[in-house]
């Protein structure tokens, strides 16, 4: 009986650890997506600024 309880406890611990790893992986993926989006937005803003500067240079 004791070994069965230990097996059950081990399985519960395993499930909890797996859930925690899955949660961390999901959070890391979401964080990476946000970082990529921020970088894309930054590059987009930089490109717009460069275009605006080019237009001003063309006007001069």
PDB file of N, CA and C in Angstrom:
ATOM      1  N   UNK A   1       0.830  -1.199   0.000  1.00  0.00           N
ATOM      2  CA  UNK A   1       0.000   0.000   0.000  1.00  0.00           C
ATOM      3  C   UNK A   1       0.872   1.261   0.000  1.00  0.00           C
ATOM      4  N   UNK A   2       1.956   1.235   0.793  1.00  0.00           N
ATOM      5  CA  UNK A   2       2.814   2.407   0.879  1.00  0.00           C
ATOM      6  C   UNK A   2       3.466   2.704  -0.471  1.00  0.00           C
ATOM      7  N   UNK A   3       3.903   1.681  -1.186  1.00  0.00           N
ATOM      8  CA  UNK A   3       4.552   1.921  -2.479  1.00  0.00           C
ATOM      9  C   UNK A   3       3.544   2.472  -3.483  1.00  0.00           C
ATOM     10  N   UNK A   4       2.282   2.063  -3.385  1.00  0.00           N
ATOM     11  CA  UNK A   4       1.264   2.605  -4.281  1.00  0.00           C
ATOM     12  C   UNK A   4       1.055   4.087  -4.002  1.00  0.00           C
ATOM     13  N   UNK A   5       1.030   4.456  -2.748  1.00  0.00           N
ATOM     14  CA  UNK A   5       0.870   5.847  -2.382  1.00  0.00           C
ATOM     15  C   UNK A   5       2.059   6.658  -2.878  1.00  0.00           C
ATOM     16  N   UNK A   6       3.238   6.121  -2.744  1.00  0.00           N
ATOM     17  CA  UNK A   6       4.420   6.815  -3.236  1.00  0.00           C
ATOM     18  C   UNK A   6       4.370   6.970  -4.755  1.00  0.00           C
ATOM     19  N   UNK A   7       3.902   5.935  -5.435  1.00  0.00           N
ATOM     20  CA  UNK A   7       3.756   6.030  -6.883  1.00  0.00           C
ATOM     21  C   UNK A   7       2.743   7.111  -7.253  1.00  0.00           C
ATOM     22  N   UNK A   8       1.642   7.154  -6.511  1.00  0.00           N
ATOM     23  CA  UNK A   8       0.621   8.168  -6.769  1.00  0.00           C
ATOM     24  C   UNK A   8       1.188   9.563  -6.525  1.00  0.00           C
ATOM     25  N   UNK A   9       1.882   9.727  -5.407  1.00  0.00           N
ATOM     26  CA  UNK A   9       2.485  11.022  -5.094  1.00  0.00           C
ATOM     27  C   UNK A   9       3.513  11.416  -6.164  1.00  0.00           C
ATOM     28  N   UNK A  10       4.287  10.450  -6.607  1.00  0.00           N
ATOM     29  CA  UNK A  10       5.282  10.722  -7.635  1.00  0.00           C
ATOM     30  C   UNK A  10       4.608  11.164  -8.929  1.00  0.00           C
ATOM     31  N   UNK A  11       3.529  10.501  -9.288  1.00  0.00           N
ATOM     32  CA  UNK A  11       2.797  10.867 -10.504  1.00  0.00           C
ATOM     33  C   UNK A  11       2.203  12.270 -10.387  1.00  0.00           C
ATOM     34  N   UNK A  12       1.666  12.612  -9.227  1.00  0.00           N
ATOM     35  CA  UNK A  12       1.114  13.951  -9.016  1.00  0.00           C
ATOM     36  C   UNK A  12       2.212  15.005  -9.114  1.00  0.00           C
ATOM     37  N   UNK A  13       3.350  14.719  -8.508  1.00  0.00           N
ATOM     38  CA  UNK A  13       4.479  15.643  -8.586  1.00  0.00           C
ATOM     39  C   UNK A  13       4.943  15.794 -10.031  1.00  0.00           C
ATOM     40  N   UNK A  14       5.017  14.682 -10.744  1.00  0.00           N
ATOM     41  CA  UNK A  14       5.415  14.708 -12.154  1.00  0.00           C
ATOM     42  C   UNK A  14       4.449  15.578 -12.964  1.00  0.00           C
ATOM     43  N   UNK A  15       3.141  15.395 -12.728  1.00  0.00           N
ATOM     44  CA  UNK A  15       2.137  16.190 -13.459  1.00  0.00           C
ATOM     45  C   UNK A  15       2.286  17.679 -13.150  1.00  0.00           C
ATOM     46  N   UNK A  16       2.485  18.002 -11.874  1.00  0.00           N
ATOM     47  CA  UNK A  16       2.652  19.407 -11.488  1.00  0.00           C
ATOM     48  C   UNK A  16       3.899  20.013 -12.130  1.00  0.00           C
ATOM     49  N   UNK A  17       4.992  19.260 -12.124  1.00  0.00           N
ATOM     50  CA  UNK A  17       6.222  19.761 -12.733  1.00  0.00           C
ATOM     51  C   UNK A  17       6.048  19.949 -14.236  1.00  0.00           C
ATOM     52  N   UNK A  18       5.362  19.020 -14.861  1.00  0.00           N
ATOM     53  CA  UNK A  18       5.117  19.118 -16.303  1.00  0.00           C
ATOM     54  C   UNK A  18       4.240  20.339 -16.615  1.00  0.00           C
ATOM     55  N   UNK A  19       3.204  20.552 -15.813  1.00  0.00           N
ATOM     56  CA  UNK A  19       2.337  21.721 -16.005  1.00  0.00           C
ATOM     57  C   UNK A  19       3.134  23.014 -15.854  1.00  0.00           C
ATOM     58  N   UNK A  20       4.027  23.044 -14.865  1.00  0.00           N
ATOM     59  CA  UNK A  20       4.849  24.230 -14.641  1.00  0.00           C
ATOM     60  C   UNK A  20       5.790  24.471 -15.832  1.00  0.00           C
ATOM     61  N   UNK A  21       6.393  23.415 -16.349  1.00  0.00           N
ATOM     62  CA  UNK A  21       7.257  23.554 -17.519  1.00  0.00           C
ATOM     63  C   UNK A  21       6.471  24.025 -18.739  1.00  0.00           C
ATOM     64  N   UNK A  22       5.285  23.484 -18.930  1.00  0.00           N
ATOM     65  CA  UNK A  22       4.442  23.913 -20.049  1.00  0.00           C
ATOM     66  C   UNK A  22       4.045  25.380 -19.904  1.00  0.00           C
ATOM     67  N   UNK A  23       3.735  25.801 -18.673  1.00  0.00           N
ATOM     68  CA  UNK A  23       3.372  27.194 -18.419  1.00  0.00           C
ATOM     69  C   UNK A  23       4.560  28.112 -18.714  1.00  0.00           C
ATOM     70  N   UNK A  24       5.744  27.715 -18.272  1.00  0.00           N
ATOM     71  CA  UNK A  24       6.942  28.523 -18.527  1.00  0.00           C
ATOM     72  C   UNK A  24       7.252  28.586 -20.020  1.00  0.00           C
ATOM     73  N   UNK A  25       7.088  27.472 -20.708  1.00  0.00           N
ATOM     74  CA  UNK A  25       7.338  27.453 -22.154  1.00  0.00           C
ATOM     75  C   UNK A  25       6.355  28.359 -22.875  1.00  0.00           C
ATOM     76  N   UNK A  26       5.110  28.325 -22.462  1.00  0.00           N
ATOM     77  CA  UNK A  26       4.094  29.193 -23.070  1.00  0.00           C
ATOM     78  C   UNK A  26       4.430  30.657 -22.822  1.00  0.00           C
ATOM     79  N   UNK A  27       4.820  30.978 -21.593  1.00  0.00           N
ATOM     80  CA  UNK A  27       5.179  32.357 -21.266  1.00  0.00           C
ATOM     81  C   UNK A  27       6.400  32.809 -22.072  1.00  0.00           C
ATOM     82  N   UNK A  28       7.374  31.926 -22.220  1.00  0.00           N
ATOM     83  CA  UNK A  28       8.572  32.272 -22.993  1.00  0.00           C
ATOM     84  C   UNK A  28       8.209  32.506 -24.456  1.00  0.00           C
ATOM     85  N   UNK A  29       7.321  31.684 -24.987  1.00  0.00           N
ATOM     86  CA  UNK A  29       6.869  31.870 -26.366  1.00  0.00           C
ATOM     87  C   UNK A  29       6.136  33.181 -26.551  1.00  0.00           C
ATOM     88  N   UNK A  30       5.270  33.499 -25.593  1.00  0.00           N
ATOM     89  CA  UNK A  30       4.539  34.771 -25.669  1.00  0.00           C
ATOM     90  C   UNK A  30       5.488  35.950 -25.555  1.00  0.00           C
ATOM     91  N   UNK A  31       6.478  35.827 -24.680  1.00  0.00           N
ATOM     92  CA  UNK A  31       7.465  36.900 -24.511  1.00  0.00           C
ATOM     93  C   UNK A  31       8.260  37.084 -25.801  1.00  0.00           C
ATOM     94  N   UNK A  32       8.649  35.986 -26.423  1.00  0.00           N
ATOM     95  CA  UNK A  32       9.393  36.067 -27.687  1.00  0.00           C
ATOM     96  C   UNK A  32       8.545  36.729 -28.766  1.00  0.00           C
ATOM     97  N   UNK A  33       7.260  36.388 -28.816  1.00  0.00           N
ATOM     98  CA  UNK A  33       6.373  37.012 -29.796  1.00  0.00           C
ATOM     99  C   UNK A  33       6.273  38.515 -29.570  1.00  0.00           C
ATOM    100  N   UNK A  34       6.181  38.930 -28.303  1.00  0.00           N
ATOM    101  CA  UNK A  34       6.113  40.365 -27.999  1.00  0.00           C
ATOM    102  C   UNK A  34       7.401  41.070 -28.380  1.00  0.00           C
ATOM    103  N   UNK A  35       8.546  40.417 -28.115  1.00  0.00           N
ATOM    104  CA  UNK A  35       9.831  41.024 -28.476  1.00  0.00           C
ATOM    105  C   UNK A  35       9.967  41.166 -29.987  1.00  0.00           C
ATOM    106  N   UNK A  36       9.546  40.151 -30.715  1.00  0.00           N
ATOM    107  CA  UNK A  36       9.596  40.213 -32.177  1.00  0.00           C
ATOM    108  C   UNK A  36       8.691  41.326 -32.679  1.00  0.00           C
ATOM    109  N   UNK A  37       7.478  41.403 -32.125  1.00  0.00           N
ATOM    110  CA  UNK A  37       6.539  42.447 -32.541  1.00  0.00           C
ATOM    111  C   UNK A  37       7.107  43.831 -32.233  1.00  0.00           C
ATOM    112  N   UNK A  38       7.737  43.985 -31.079  1.00  0.00           N
ATOM    113  CA  UNK A  38       8.320  45.279 -30.719  1.00  0.00           C
ATOM    114  C   UNK A  38       9.453  45.631 -31.675  1.00  0.00           C
ATOM    115  N   UNK A  39      10.247  44.645 -32.035  1.00  0.00           N
ATOM    116  CA  UNK A  39      11.349  44.900 -32.964  1.00  0.00           C
ATOM    117  C   UNK A  39      10.805  45.284 -34.337  1.00  0.00           C
ATOM    118  N   UNK A  40       9.791  44.580 -34.799  1.00  0.00           N
ATOM    119  CA  UNK A  40       9.178  44.895 -36.098  1.00  0.00           C
ATOM    120  C   UNK A  40       8.602  46.303 -36.066  1.00  0.00           C
ATOM    121  N   UNK A  41       7.911  46.647 -34.987  1.00  0.00           N
ATOM    122  CA  UNK A  41       7.341  47.994 -34.875  1.00  0.00           C
ATOM    123  C   UNK A  41       8.440  49.044 -34.866  1.00  0.00           C
ATOM    124  N   UNK A  42       9.535  48.766 -34.163  1.00  0.00           N
ATOM    125  CA  UNK A  42      10.654  49.695 -34.130  1.00  0.00           C
ATOM    126  C   UNK A  42      11.267  49.882 -35.509  1.00  0.00           C
ATOM    127  N   UNK A  43      11.424  48.779 -36.233  1.00  0.00           N
ATOM    128  CA  UNK A  43      11.974  48.865 -37.588  1.00  0.00           C
ATOM    129  C   UNK A  43      11.021  49.606 -38.518  1.00  0.00           C
ATOM    130  N   UNK A  44       9.731  49.387 -38.323  1.00  0.00           N
ATOM    131  CA  UNK A  44       8.730  50.077 -39.137  1.00  0.00           C
ATOM    132  C   UNK A  44       8.796  51.586 -38.889  1.00  0.00           C
ATOM    133  N   UNK A  45       8.882  51.966 -37.604  1.00  0.00           N
ATOM    134  CA  UNK A  45       8.997  53.396 -37.270  1.00  0.00           C
ATOM    135  C   UNK A  45      10.279  53.992 -37.846  1.00  0.00           C
ATOM    136  N   UNK A  46      11.367  53.235 -37.755  1.00  0.00           N
ATOM    137  CA  UNK A  46      12.643  53.711 -38.296  1.00  0.00           C
ATOM    138  C   UNK A  46      12.545  53.914 -39.804  1.00  0.00           C
ATOM    139  N   UNK A  47      11.907  52.984 -40.493  1.00  0.00           N
ATOM    140  CA  UNK A  47      11.740  53.101 -41.948  1.00  0.00           C
ATOM    141  C   UNK A  47      10.886  54.325 -42.286  1.00  0.00           C
ATOM    142  N   UNK A  48       9.835  54.563 -41.501  1.00  0.00           N
ATOM    143  CA  UNK A  48       8.982  55.733 -41.747  1.00  0.00           C
ATOM    144  C   UNK A  48       9.780  57.021 -41.540  1.00  0.00           C
ATOM    145  N   UNK A  49      10.599  57.050 -40.497  1.00  0.00           N
ATOM    146  CA  UNK A  49      11.422  58.233 -40.232  1.00  0.00           C
ATOM    147  C   UNK A  49      12.406  58.461 -41.368  1.00  0.00           C
ATOM    148  N   UNK A  50      13.022  57.373 -41.842  1.00  0.00           N
ATOM    149  CA  UNK A  50      13.968  57.502 -42.955  1.00  0.00           C
ATOM    150  C   UNK A  50      13.266  58.029 -44.206  1.00  0.00           C
ATOM    151  N   UNK A  51      12.053  57.525 -44.464  1.00  0.00           N
ATOM    152  CA  UNK A  51      11.288  58.011 -45.619  1.00  0.00           C
ATOM    153  C   UNK A  51      10.945  59.486 -45.461  1.00  0.00           C
ATOM    154  N   UNK A  52      10.536  59.862 -44.264  1.00  0.00           N
ATOM    155  CA  UNK A  52      10.211  61.269 -44.011  1.00  0.00           C
ATOM    156  C   UNK A  52      11.446  62.145 -44.204  1.00  0.00           C
ATOM    157  N   UNK A  53      12.588  61.691 -43.734  1.00  0.00           N
ATOM    158  CA  UNK A  53      13.824  62.450 -43.896  1.00  0.00           C
ATOM    159  C   UNK A  53      14.207  62.541 -45.369  1.00  0.00           C
ATOM    160  N   UNK A  54      13.975  61.459 -46.101  1.00  0.00           N
ATOM    161  CA  UNK A  54      14.305  61.461 -47.527  1.00  0.00           C
ATOM    162  C   UNK A  54      13.419  62.464 -48.265  1.00  0.00           C
ATOM    163  N   UNK A  55      12.149  62.518 -47.913  1.00  0.00           N
ATOM    164  CA  UNK A  55      11.235  63.474 -48.536  1.00  0.00           C
ATOM    165  C   UNK A  55      11.721  64.888 -48.247  1.00  0.00           C
ATOM    166  N   UNK A  56      12.134  65.151 -47.002  1.00  0.00           N
ATOM    167  CA  UNK A  56      12.621  66.491 -46.658  1.00  0.00           C
ATOM    168  C   UNK A  56      13.882  66.820 -47.449  1.00  0.00           C
ATOM    169  N   UNK A  57      14.744  65.849 -47.647  1.00  0.00           N
ATOM    170  CA  UNK A  57      15.964  66.093 -48.426  1.00  0.00           C
ATOM    171  C   UNK A  57      15.614  66.353 -49.889  1.00  0.00           C
ATOM    172  N   UNK A  58      14.608  65.652 -50.406  1.00  0.00           N
ATOM    173  CA  UNK A  58      14.193  65.847 -51.789  1.00  0.00           C
ATOM    174  C   UNK A  58      13.612  67.255 -51.988  1.00  0.00           C
ATOM    175  N   UNK A  59      12.989  67.779 -50.943  1.00  0.00           N
ATOM    176  CA  UNK A  59      12.355  69.100 -51.037  1.00  0.00           C
ATOM    177  C   UNK A  59      13.418  70.214 -51.072  1.00  0.00           C
ATOM    178  N   UNK A  60      14.565  69.975 -50.460  1.00  0.00           N
ATOM    179  CA  UNK A  60      15.572  71.030 -50.355  1.00  0.00           C
ATOM    180  C   UNK A  60      16.256  71.315 -51.643  1.00  0.00           C
TER     181      UNK A  60
END
